[in-house]
Each structure stands twice: as C-alpha cells, then as structure tokens.
Amino acid sequence: MSATIDTDQLTRVEVTVTVRVPEHDEVDLMTGAQQRLAAVDTVQNVSIEELRGINPRLGATVVIVETALQTAQPVAVYKSLTETVGIETQSRK
C-alpha cells in the first residue's frame, strides 16, 4: 500500500480493483468505472492510472483497473470499497 498526505488533508491511496460496468451504460468503460468508484462514500477523487483487463460478461463488463483514490479516511476506504456492490479490491500498493 502506498499513501501520501496532501496539504488539504486528503490521502492518496493506490489500489487495483475490479469494477462491474453495466452493458447499457451511456459512457465508456473507463468513465463508468471511475463514476462507480467516485460514488463510494469515503472517496473524494478518483484517477484511473491503468487498465489491467477487460472481462465481458452477460449484462455487464468487468474491468480491472489500477486507481489512485483521494480520501480523508484511508483505512475506511478499503472497507467501503469491499462493501460496494460491483467493486472488488484486488491489491493494494
């Protein structure tokens, strides 16, 4: 896990996650994944650093992405991610 403290009290957390993006979403896969991650309560900002994989499924596409999240609650963000439907944590840096 890699974390740095910014001057505005947000911590940057890097994590690899899988995100389920619905088939009929009106945005591209990267934007859909970013929107779903940004909707997690403890996340203030999301940057997708790298697309690691795409897995088409019935009704949705699962993408594996390396992300950089900004949060005021770095410990709680992992719990929030694992409790969010359609998001699974793969690894932390």
PDB file of N, CA and C in Angstrom:
ATOM      1  N   MET A   1       0.847  -1.169   0.000  1.00  0.00           N
ATOM      2  CA  MET A   1       0.000   0.000   0.000  1.00  0.00           C
ATOM      3  C   MET A   1       0.890   1.228   0.000  1.00  0.00           C
ATOM      4  N   SER A   2       0.557   2.183  -0.818  1.00  0.00           N
ATOM      5  CA  SER A   2       1.291   3.441  -0.887  1.00  0.00           C
ATOM      6  C   SER A   2       0.341   4.565  -0.528  1.00  0.00           C
ATOM      7  N   ALA A   3       0.760   5.409   0.400  1.00  0.00           N
ATOM      8  CA  ALA A   3      -0.100   6.517   0.800  1.00  0.00           C
ATOM      9  C   ALA A   3       0.746   7.755   1.059  1.00  0.00           C
ATOM     10  N   THR A   4       0.276   8.889   0.595  1.00  0.00           N
ATOM     11  CA  THR A   4       0.933  10.162   0.873  1.00  0.00           C
ATOM     12  C   THR A   4      -0.117  11.159   1.329  1.00  0.00           C
ATOM     13  N   ILE A   5       0.258  12.046   2.231  1.00  0.00           N
ATOM     14  CA  ILE A   5      -0.673  13.042   2.757  1.00  0.00           C
ATOM     15  C   ILE A   5      -0.535  14.331   1.953  1.00  0.00           C
ATOM     16  N   ASP A   6      -1.627  14.842   1.432  1.00  0.00           N
ATOM     17  CA  ASP A   6      -1.642  16.112   0.726  1.00  0.00           C
ATOM     18  C   ASP A   6      -1.880  17.239   1.726  1.00  0.00           C
ATOM     19  N   THR A   7      -1.599  18.469   1.317  1.00  0.00           N
ATOM     20  CA  THR A   7      -1.765  19.608   2.214  1.00  0.00           C
ATOM     21  C   THR A   7      -3.215  19.851   2.606  1.00  0.00           C
ATOM     22  N   ASP A   8      -4.162  19.398   1.819  1.00  0.00           N
ATOM     23  CA  ASP A   8      -5.574  19.604   2.147  1.00  0.00           C
ATOM     24  C   ASP A   8      -6.156  18.442   2.956  1.00  0.00           C
ATOM     25  N   GLN A   9      -5.301  17.663   3.597  1.00  0.00           N
ATOM     26  CA  GLN A   9      -5.681  16.569   4.491  1.00  0.00           C
ATOM     27  C   GLN A   9      -6.283  15.363   3.791  1.00  0.00           C
ATOM     28  N   LEU A  10      -6.145  15.267   2.491  1.00  0.00           N
ATOM     29  CA  LEU A  10      -6.579  14.072   1.778  1.00  0.00           C
ATOM     30  C   LEU A  10      -5.378  13.162   1.583  1.00  0.00           C
ATOM     31  N   THR A  11      -5.610  11.866   1.672  1.00  0.00           N
ATOM     32  CA  THR A  11      -4.561  10.878   1.482  1.00  0.00           C
ATOM     33  C   THR A  11      -4.757  10.204   0.141  1.00  0.00           C
ATOM     34  N   ARG A  12      -3.663  10.039  -0.579  1.00  0.00           N
ATOM     35  CA  ARG A  12      -3.699   9.330  -1.865  1.00  0.00           C
ATOM     36  C   ARG A  12      -3.464   7.847  -1.579  1.00  0.00           C
ATOM     37  N   VAL A  13      -4.390   7.017  -2.043  1.00  0.00           N
ATOM     38  CA  VAL A  13      -4.313   5.573  -1.849  1.00  0.00           C
ATOM     39  C   VAL A  13      -4.355   4.907  -3.214  1.00  0.00           C
ATOM     40  N   GLU A  14      -3.390   4.040  -3.484  1.00  0.00           N
ATOM     41  CA  GLU A  14      -3.358   3.320  -4.757  1.00  0.00           C
ATOM     42  C   GLU A  14      -3.848   1.898  -4.535  1.00  0.00           C
ATOM     43  N   VAL A  15      -4.775   1.470  -5.377  1.00  0.00           N
ATOM     44  CA  VAL A  15      -5.367   0.143  -5.233  1.00  0.00           C
ATOM     45  C   VAL A  15      -5.811  -0.365  -6.604  1.00  0.00           C
ATOM     46  N   THR A  16      -5.680  -1.673  -6.807  1.00  0.00           N
ATOM     47  CA  THR A  16      -6.186  -2.314  -8.017  1.00  0.00           C
ATOM     48  C   THR A  16      -7.539  -2.928  -7.681  1.00  0.00           C
ATOM     49  N   VAL A  17      -8.536  -2.622  -8.501  1.00  0.00           N
ATOM     50  CA  VAL A  17      -9.899  -3.093  -8.246  1.00  0.00           C
ATOM     51  C   VAL A  17     -10.529  -3.645  -9.515  1.00  0.00           C
ATOM     52  N   THR A  18     -11.543  -4.486  -9.329  1.00  0.00           N
ATOM     53  CA  THR A  18     -12.400  -4.870 -10.446  1.00  0.00           C
ATOM     54  C   THR A  18     -13.712  -4.114 -10.263  1.00  0.00           C
ATOM     55  N   VAL A  19     -14.221  -3.607 -11.370  1.00  0.00           N
ATOM     56  CA  VAL A  19     -15.459  -2.825 -11.334  1.00  0.00           C
ATOM     57  C   VAL A  19     -16.398  -3.365 -12.406  1.00  0.00           C
ATOM     58  N   ARG A  20     -17.626  -3.636 -12.011  1.00  0.00           N
ATOM     59  CA  ARG A  20     -18.658  -4.107 -12.942  1.00  0.00           C
ATOM     60  C   ARG A  20     -19.332  -2.892 -13.569  1.00  0.00           C
ATOM     61  N   VAL A  21     -19.221  -2.774 -14.894  1.00  0.00           N
ATOM     62  CA  VAL A  21     -19.837  -1.664 -15.629  1.00  0.00           C
ATOM     63  C   VAL A  21     -20.994  -2.243 -16.448  1.00  0.00           C
ATOM     64  N   PRO A  22     -22.232  -1.816 -16.190  1.00  0.00           N
ATOM     65  CA  PRO A  22     -23.390  -2.360 -16.905  1.00  0.00           C
ATOM     66  C   PRO A  22     -23.265  -2.223 -18.423  1.00  0.00           C
ATOM     67  N   GLU A  23     -23.822  -3.198 -19.121  1.00  0.00           N
ATOM     68  CA  GLU A  23     -23.753  -3.268 -20.583  1.00  0.00           C
ATOM     69  C   GLU A  23     -24.314  -2.025 -21.262  1.00  0.00           C
ATOM     70  N   HIS A  24     -25.413  -1.517 -20.779  1.00  0.00           N
ATOM     71  CA  HIS A  24     -26.080  -0.401 -21.446  1.00  0.00           C
ATOM     72  C   HIS A  24     -25.747   0.944 -20.804  1.00  0.00           C
ATOM     73  N   ASP A  25     -24.596   1.024 -20.167  1.00  0.00           N
ATOM     74  CA  ASP A  25     -24.153   2.294 -19.594  1.00  0.00           C
ATOM     75  C   ASP A  25     -23.909   3.280 -20.731  1.00  0.00           C
ATOM     76  N   GLU A  26     -24.184   4.535 -20.513  1.00  0.00           N
ATOM     77  CA  GLU A  26     -24.088   5.539 -21.577  1.00  0.00           C
ATOM     78  C   GLU A  26     -22.690   6.130 -21.723  1.00  0.00           C
ATOM     79  N   VAL A  27     -21.707   5.591 -20.989  1.00  0.00           N
ATOM     80  CA  VAL A  27     -20.330   6.097 -21.055  1.00  0.00           C
ATOM     81  C   VAL A  27     -19.380   4.944 -21.371  1.00  0.00           C
ATOM     82  N   ASP A  28     -18.125   5.276 -21.691  1.00  0.00           N
ATOM     83  CA  ASP A  28     -17.145   4.227 -21.969  1.00  0.00           C
ATOM     84  C   ASP A  28     -16.759   3.499 -20.677  1.00  0.00           C
ATOM     85  N   LEU A  29     -16.057   2.388 -20.807  1.00  0.00           N
ATOM     86  CA  LEU A  29     -15.724   1.541 -19.656  1.00  0.00           C
ATOM     87  C   LEU A  29     -14.914   2.275 -18.590  1.00  0.00           C
ATOM     88  N   MET A  30     -13.918   3.041 -18.996  1.00  0.00           N
ATOM     89  CA  MET A  30     -13.074   3.752 -18.030  1.00  0.00           C
ATOM     90  C   MET A  30     -13.885   4.797 -17.258  1.00  0.00           C
ATOM     91  N   THR A  31     -14.721   5.535 -17.962  1.00  0.00           N
ATOM     92  CA  THR A  31     -15.550   6.547 -17.309  1.00  0.00           C
ATOM     93  C   THR A  31     -16.565   5.883 -16.386  1.00  0.00           C
ATOM     94  N   GLY A  32     -17.157   4.774 -16.831  1.00  0.00           N
ATOM     95  CA  GLY A  32     -18.104   4.041 -15.993  1.00  0.00           C
ATOM     96  C   GLY A  32     -17.457   3.540 -14.712  1.00  0.00           C
ATOM     97  N   ALA A  33     -16.252   2.997 -14.824  1.00  0.00           N
ATOM     98  CA  ALA A  33     -15.523   2.521 -13.644  1.00  0.00           C
ATOM     99  C   ALA A  33     -15.201   3.688 -12.715  1.00  0.00           C
ATOM    100  N   GLN A  34     -14.757   4.787 -13.291  1.00  0.00           N
ATOM    101  CA  GLN A  34     -14.412   5.963 -12.494  1.00  0.00           C
ATOM    102  C   GLN A  34     -15.643   6.511 -11.761  1.00  0.00           C
ATOM    103  N   GLN A  35     -16.780   6.555 -12.427  1.00  0.00           N
ATOM    104  CA  GLN A  35     -18.010   7.046 -11.795  1.00  0.00           C
ATOM    105  C   GLN A  35     -18.435   6.151 -10.638  1.00  0.00           C
ATOM    106  N   ARG A  36     -18.318   4.842 -10.803  1.00  0.00           N
ATOM    107  CA  ARG A  36     -18.707   3.924  -9.735  1.00  0.00           C
ATOM    108  C   ARG A  36     -17.784   4.051  -8.527  1.00  0.00           C
ATOM    109  N   LEU A  37     -16.489   4.220  -8.781  1.00  0.00           N
ATOM    110  CA  LEU A  37     -15.545   4.402  -7.681  1.00  0.00           C
ATOM    111  C   LEU A  37     -15.763   5.742  -6.980  1.00  0.00           C
ATOM    112  N   ALA A  38     -16.060   6.782  -7.738  1.00  0.00           N
ATOM    113  CA  ALA A  38     -16.299   8.103  -7.156  1.00  0.00           C
ATOM    114  C   ALA A  38     -17.554   8.122  -6.285  1.00  0.00           C
ATOM    115  N   ALA A  39     -18.478   7.206  -6.519  1.00  0.00           N
ATOM    116  CA  ALA A  39     -19.717   7.145  -5.741  1.00  0.00           C
ATOM    117  C   ALA A  39     -19.526   6.510  -4.362  1.00  0.00           C
ATOM    118  N   VAL A  40     -18.373   5.899  -4.110  1.00  0.00           N
ATOM    119  CA  VAL A  40     -18.098   5.295  -2.800  1.00  0.00           C
ATOM    120  C   VAL A  40     -17.977   6.422  -1.771  1.00  0.00           C
ATOM    121  N   ASP A  41     -18.658   6.259  -0.627  1.00  0.00           N
ATOM    122  CA  ASP A  41     -18.765   7.323   0.383  1.00  0.00           C
ATOM    123  C   ASP A  41     -17.441   7.953   0.793  1.00  0.00           C
ATOM    124  N   THR A  42     -16.413   7.169   1.019  1.00  0.00           N
ATOM    125  CA  THR A  42     -15.162   7.697   1.565  1.00  0.00           C
ATOM    126  C   THR A  42     -14.192   8.216   0.506  1.00  0.00           C
ATOM    127  N   VAL A  43     -14.580   8.168  -0.763  1.00  0.00           N
ATOM    128  CA  VAL A  43     -13.705   8.606  -1.856  1.00  0.00           C
ATOM    129  C   VAL A  43     -14.048  10.040  -2.260  1.00  0.00           C
ATOM    130  N   GLN A  44     -13.039  10.918  -2.266  1.00  0.00           N
ATOM    131  CA  GLN A  44     -13.249  12.297  -2.693  1.00  0.00           C
ATOM    132  C   GLN A  44     -12.871  12.514  -4.156  1.00  0.00           C
ATOM    133  N   ASN A  45     -11.874  11.769  -4.647  1.00  0.00           N
ATOM    134  CA  ASN A  45     -11.404  11.945  -6.018  1.00  0.00           C
ATOM    135  C   ASN A  45     -10.843  10.617  -6.520  1.00  0.00           C
ATOM    136  N   VAL A  46     -11.029  10.339  -7.807  1.00  0.00           N
ATOM    137  CA  VAL A  46     -10.560   9.084  -8.406  1.00  0.00           C
ATOM    138  C   VAL A  46      -9.772   9.386  -9.667  1.00  0.00           C
ATOM    139  N   SER A  47      -8.653   8.716  -9.800  1.00  0.00           N
ATOM    140  CA  SER A  47      -7.884   8.767 -11.038  1.00  0.00           C
ATOM    141  C   SER A  47      -7.580   7.329 -11.442  1.00  0.00           C
ATOM    142  N   ILE A  48      -7.970   6.949 -12.644  1.00  0.00           N
ATOM    143  CA  ILE A  48      -7.637   5.609 -13.124  1.00  0.00           C
ATOM    144  C   ILE A  48      -6.279   5.700 -13.802  1.00  0.00           C
ATOM    145  N   GLU A  49      -5.315   4.988 -13.231  1.00  0.00           N
ATOM    146  CA  GLU A  49      -3.934   5.053 -13.699  1.00  0.00           C
ATOM    147  C   GLU A  49      -3.678   4.112 -14.871  1.00  0.00           C
ATOM    148  N   GLU A  50      -4.293   2.914 -14.820  1.00  0.00           N
ATOM    149  CA  GLU A  50      -4.030   1.925 -15.874  1.00  0.00           C
ATOM    150  C   GLU A  50      -5.164   0.911 -15.957  1.00  0.00           C
ATOM    151  N   LEU A  51      -5.515   0.564 -17.176  1.00  0.00           N
ATOM    152  CA  LEU A  51      -6.476  -0.513 -17.427  1.00  0.00           C
ATOM    153  C   LEU A  51      -5.696  -1.818 -17.461  1.00  0.00           C
ATOM    154  N   ARG A  52      -6.023  -2.758 -16.567  1.00  0.00           N
ATOM    155  CA  ARG A  52      -5.288  -4.017 -16.464  1.00  0.00           C
ATOM    156  C   ARG A  52      -5.996  -5.177 -17.144  1.00  0.00           C
ATOM    157  N   GLY A  53      -7.304  -5.065 -17.364  1.00  0.00           N
ATOM    158  CA  GLY A  53      -8.020  -6.155 -18.008  1.00  0.00           C
ATOM    159  C   GLY A  53      -9.482  -5.834 -18.250  1.00  0.00           C
ATOM    160  N   ILE A  54     -10.045  -6.532 -19.238  1.00  0.00           N
ATOM    161  CA  ILE A  54     -11.464  -6.404 -19.580  1.00  0.00           C
ATOM    162  C   ILE A  54     -12.034  -7.809 -19.670  1.00  0.00           C
ATOM    163  N   ASN A  55     -13.154  -8.041 -18.996  1.00  0.00           N
ATOM    164  CA  ASN A  55     -13.784  -9.349 -18.986  1.00  0.00           C
ATOM    165  C   ASN A  55     -15.279  -9.188 -19.283  1.00  0.00           C
ATOM    166  N   PRO A  56     -15.680  -9.354 -20.560  1.00  0.00           N
ATOM    167  CA  PRO A  56     -17.103  -9.231 -20.903  1.00  0.00           C
ATOM    168  C   PRO A  56     -17.933 -10.320 -20.216  1.00  0.00           C
ATOM    169  N   ARG A  57     -19.050  -9.931 -19.665  1.00  0.00           N
ATOM    170  CA  ARG A  57     -19.976 -10.855 -19.016  1.00  0.00           C
ATOM    171  C   ARG A  57     -21.377 -10.567 -19.527  1.00  0.00           C
ATOM    172  N   LEU A  58     -22.301 -11.441 -19.215  1.00  0.00           N
ATOM    173  CA  LEU A  58     -23.691 -11.243 -19.592  1.00  0.00           C
ATOM    174  C   LEU A  58     -24.256 -10.047 -18.826  1.00  0.00           C
ATOM    175  N   GLY A  59     -24.648  -9.010 -19.528  1.00  0.00           N
ATOM    176  CA  GLY A  59     -25.262  -7.842 -18.906  1.00  0.00           C
ATOM    177  C   GLY A  59     -24.299  -6.779 -18.402  1.00  0.00           C
ATOM    178  N   ALA A  60     -23.003  -7.092 -18.384  1.00  0.00           N
ATOM    179  CA  ALA A  60     -22.028  -6.114 -17.887  1.00  0.00           C
ATOM    180  C   ALA A  60     -20.631  -6.509 -18.344  1.00  0.00           C
ATOM    181  N   THR A  61     -19.723  -5.570 -18.236  1.00  0.00           N
ATOM    182  CA  THR A  61     -18.313  -5.837 -18.488  1.00  0.00           C
ATOM    183  C   THR A  61     -17.565  -5.557 -17.196  1.00  0.00           C
ATOM    184  N   VAL A  62     -16.693  -6.476 -16.822  1.00  0.00           N
ATOM    185  CA  VAL A  62     -15.877  -6.288 -15.631  1.00  0.00           C
ATOM    186  C   VAL A  62     -14.519  -5.778 -16.078  1.00  0.00           C
ATOM    187  N   VAL A  63     -14.094  -4.644 -15.527  1.00  0.00           N
ATOM    188  CA  VAL A  63     -12.787  -4.090 -15.849  1.00  0.00           C
ATOM    189  C   VAL A  63     -11.899  -4.147 -14.614  1.00  0.00           C
ATOM    190  N   ILE A  64     -10.632  -4.423 -14.844  1.00  0.00           N
ATOM    191  CA  ILE A  64      -9.640  -4.405 -13.774  1.00  0.00           C
ATOM    192  C   ILE A  64      -8.796  -3.158 -14.001  1.00  0.00           C
ATOM    193  N   VAL A  65      -8.759  -2.279 -13.001  1.00  0.00           N
ATOM    194  CA  VAL A  65      -8.048  -1.013 -13.143  1.00  0.00           C
ATOM    195  C   VAL A  65      -7.165  -0.731 -11.931  1.00  0.00           C
ATOM    196  N   GLU A  66      -6.028  -0.097 -12.205  1.00  0.00           N
ATOM    197  CA  GLU A  66      -5.199   0.452 -11.138  1.00  0.00           C
ATOM    198  C   GLU A  66      -5.679   1.869 -10.919  1.00  0.00           C
ATOM    199  N   THR A  67      -5.981   2.208  -9.671  1.00  0.00           N
ATOM    200  CA  THR A  67      -6.535   3.523  -9.377  1.00  0.00           C
ATOM    201  C   THR A  67      -5.715   4.257  -8.328  1.00  0.00           C
ATOM    202  N   ALA A  68      -5.857   5.553  -8.322  1.00  0.00           N
ATOM    203  CA  ALA A  68      -5.351   6.407  -7.252  1.00  0.00           C
ATOM    204  C   ALA A  68      -6.566   7.142  -6.699  1.00  0.00           C
ATOM    205  N   LEU A  69      -6.878   6.857  -5.449  1.00  0.00           N
ATOM    206  CA  LEU A  69      -8.037   7.466  -4.799  1.00  0.00           C
ATOM    207  C   LEU A  69      -7.563   8.511  -3.806  1.00  0.00           C
ATOM    208  N   GLN A  70      -8.295   9.591  -3.663  1.00  0.00           N
ATOM    209  CA  GLN A  70      -8.025  10.561  -2.612  1.00  0.00           C
ATOM    210  C   GLN A  70      -9.147  10.459  -1.598  1.00  0.00           C
ATOM    211  N   THR A  71      -8.748  10.358  -0.331  1.00  0.00           N
ATOM    212  CA  THR A  71      -9.717  10.164   0.731  1.00  0.00           C
ATOM    213  C   THR A  71      -9.226  10.799   2.024  1.00  0.00           C
ATOM    214  N   ALA A  72     -10.151  11.212   2.853  1.00  0.00           N
ATOM    215  CA  ALA A  72      -9.823  11.706   4.187  1.00  0.00           C
ATOM    216  C   ALA A  72      -9.792  10.553   5.182  1.00  0.00           C
ATOM    217  N   GLN A  73     -10.228   9.366   4.744  1.00  0.00           N
ATOM    218  CA  GLN A  73     -10.301   8.188   5.613  1.00  0.00           C
ATOM    219  C   GLN A  73      -9.610   7.001   4.943  1.00  0.00           C
ATOM    220  N   PRO A  74      -8.267   6.973   4.919  1.00  0.00           N
ATOM    221  CA  PRO A  74      -7.553   5.929   4.181  1.00  0.00           C
ATOM    222  C   PRO A  74      -7.814   4.508   4.678  1.00  0.00           C
ATOM    223  N   VAL A  75      -8.028   4.325   5.956  1.00  0.00           N
ATOM    224  CA  VAL A  75      -8.302   2.980   6.470  1.00  0.00           C
ATOM    225  C   VAL A  75      -9.715   2.548   6.094  1.00  0.00           C
ATOM    226  N   ALA A  76     -10.667   3.441   6.219  1.00  0.00           N
ATOM    227  CA  ALA A  76     -12.069   3.123   5.940  1.00  0.00           C
ATOM    228  C   ALA A  76     -12.347   2.932   4.455  1.00  0.00           C
ATOM    229  N   VAL A  77     -11.512   3.498   3.585  1.00  0.00           N
ATOM    230  CA  VAL A  77     -11.784   3.409   2.152  1.00  0.00           C
ATOM    231  C   VAL A  77     -11.762   1.962   1.667  1.00  0.00           C
ATOM    232  N   TYR A  78     -10.887   1.132   2.204  1.00  0.00           N
ATOM    233  CA  TYR A  78     -10.833  -0.274   1.781  1.00  0.00           C
ATOM    234  C   TYR A  78     -12.108  -1.019   2.167  1.00  0.00           C
ATOM    235  N   LYS A  79     -12.604  -0.755   3.359  1.00  0.00           N
ATOM    236  CA  LYS A  79     -13.857  -1.376   3.790  1.00  0.00           C
ATOM    237  C   LYS A  79     -15.010  -0.897   2.913  1.00  0.00           C
ATOM    238  N   SER A  80     -15.041   0.400   2.631  1.00  0.00           N
ATOM    239  CA  SER A  80     -16.098   0.954   1.780  1.00  0.00           C
ATOM    240  C   SER A  80     -16.077   0.336   0.392  1.00  0.00           C
ATOM    241  N   LEU A  81     -14.879   0.146  -0.165  1.00  0.00           N
ATOM    242  CA  LEU A  81     -14.765  -0.469  -1.489  1.00  0.00           C
ATOM    243  C   LEU A  81     -15.297  -1.899  -1.482  1.00  0.00           C
ATOM    244  N   THR A  82     -14.916  -2.683  -0.473  1.00  0.00           N
ATOM    245  CA  THR A  82     -15.345  -4.082  -0.433  1.00  0.00           C
ATOM    246  C   THR A  82     -16.837  -4.227  -0.151  1.00  0.00           C
ATOM    247  N   GLU A  83     -17.440  -3.224   0.465  1.00  0.00           N
ATOM    248  CA  GLU A  83     -18.875  -3.279   0.755  1.00  0.00           C
ATOM    249  C   GLU A  83     -19.736  -2.735  -0.384  1.00  0.00           C
ATOM    250  N   THR A  84     -19.111  -2.184  -1.414  1.00  0.00           N
ATOM    251  CA  THR A  84     -19.851  -1.609  -2.536  1.00  0.00           C
ATOM    252  C   THR A  84     -20.127  -2.681  -3.584  1.00  0.00           C
ATOM    253  N   VAL A  85     -21.382  -2.865  -3.937  1.00  0.00           N
ATOM    254  CA  VAL A  85     -21.775  -3.856  -4.938  1.00  0.00           C
ATOM    255  C   VAL A  85     -21.136  -3.499  -6.275  1.00  0.00           C
ATOM    256  N   GLY A  86     -20.528  -4.487  -6.916  1.00  0.00           N
ATOM    257  CA  GLY A  86     -19.924  -4.283  -8.229  1.00  0.00           C
ATOM    258  C   GLY A  86     -18.466  -3.878  -8.195  1.00  0.00           C
ATOM    259  N   ILE A  87     -17.888  -3.742  -6.990  1.00  0.00           N
ATOM    260  CA  ILE A  87     -16.472  -3.395  -6.852  1.00  0.00           C
ATOM    261  C   ILE A  87     -15.803  -4.427  -5.958  1.00  0.00           C
ATOM    262  N   GLU A  88     -14.655  -4.928  -6.395  1.00  0.00           N
ATOM    263  CA  GLU A  88     -13.857  -5.844  -5.579  1.00  0.00           C
ATOM    264  C   GLU A  88     -12.419  -5.355  -5.550  1.00  0.00           C
ATOM    265  N   THR A  89     -11.816  -5.365  -4.370  1.00  0.00           N
ATOM    266  CA  THR A  89     -10.424  -4.965  -4.223  1.00  0.00           C
ATOM    267  C   THR A  89      -9.529  -6.131  -4.613  1.00  0.00           C
ATOM    268  N   GLN A  90      -8.552  -5.877  -5.493  1.00  0.00           N
ATOM    269  CA  GLN A  90      -7.611  -6.910  -5.931  1.00  0.00           C
ATOM    270  C   GLN A  90      -6.299  -6.833  -5.158  1.00  0.00           C
ATOM    271  N   SER A  91      -5.697  -5.655  -5.121  1.00  0.00           N
ATOM    272  CA  SER A  91      -4.427  -5.485  -4.407  1.00  0.00           C
ATOM    273  C   SER A  91      -4.226  -4.033  -4.028  1.00  0.00           C
ATOM    274  N   ARG A  92      -3.393  -3.852  -3.017  1.00  0.00           N
ATOM    275  CA  ARG A  92      -3.032  -2.513  -2.554  1.00  0.00           C
ATOM    276  C   ARG A  92      -1.556  -2.307  -2.824  1.00  0.00           C
ATOM    277  N   LYS A  93      -1.185  -1.069  -3.075  1.00  0.00           N
ATOM    278  CA  LYS A  93       0.239  -0.743  -3.246  1.00  0.00           C
ATOM    279  C   LYS A  93       0.758  -0.072  -2.009  1.00  0.00           C
TER     280      LYS A  93
END
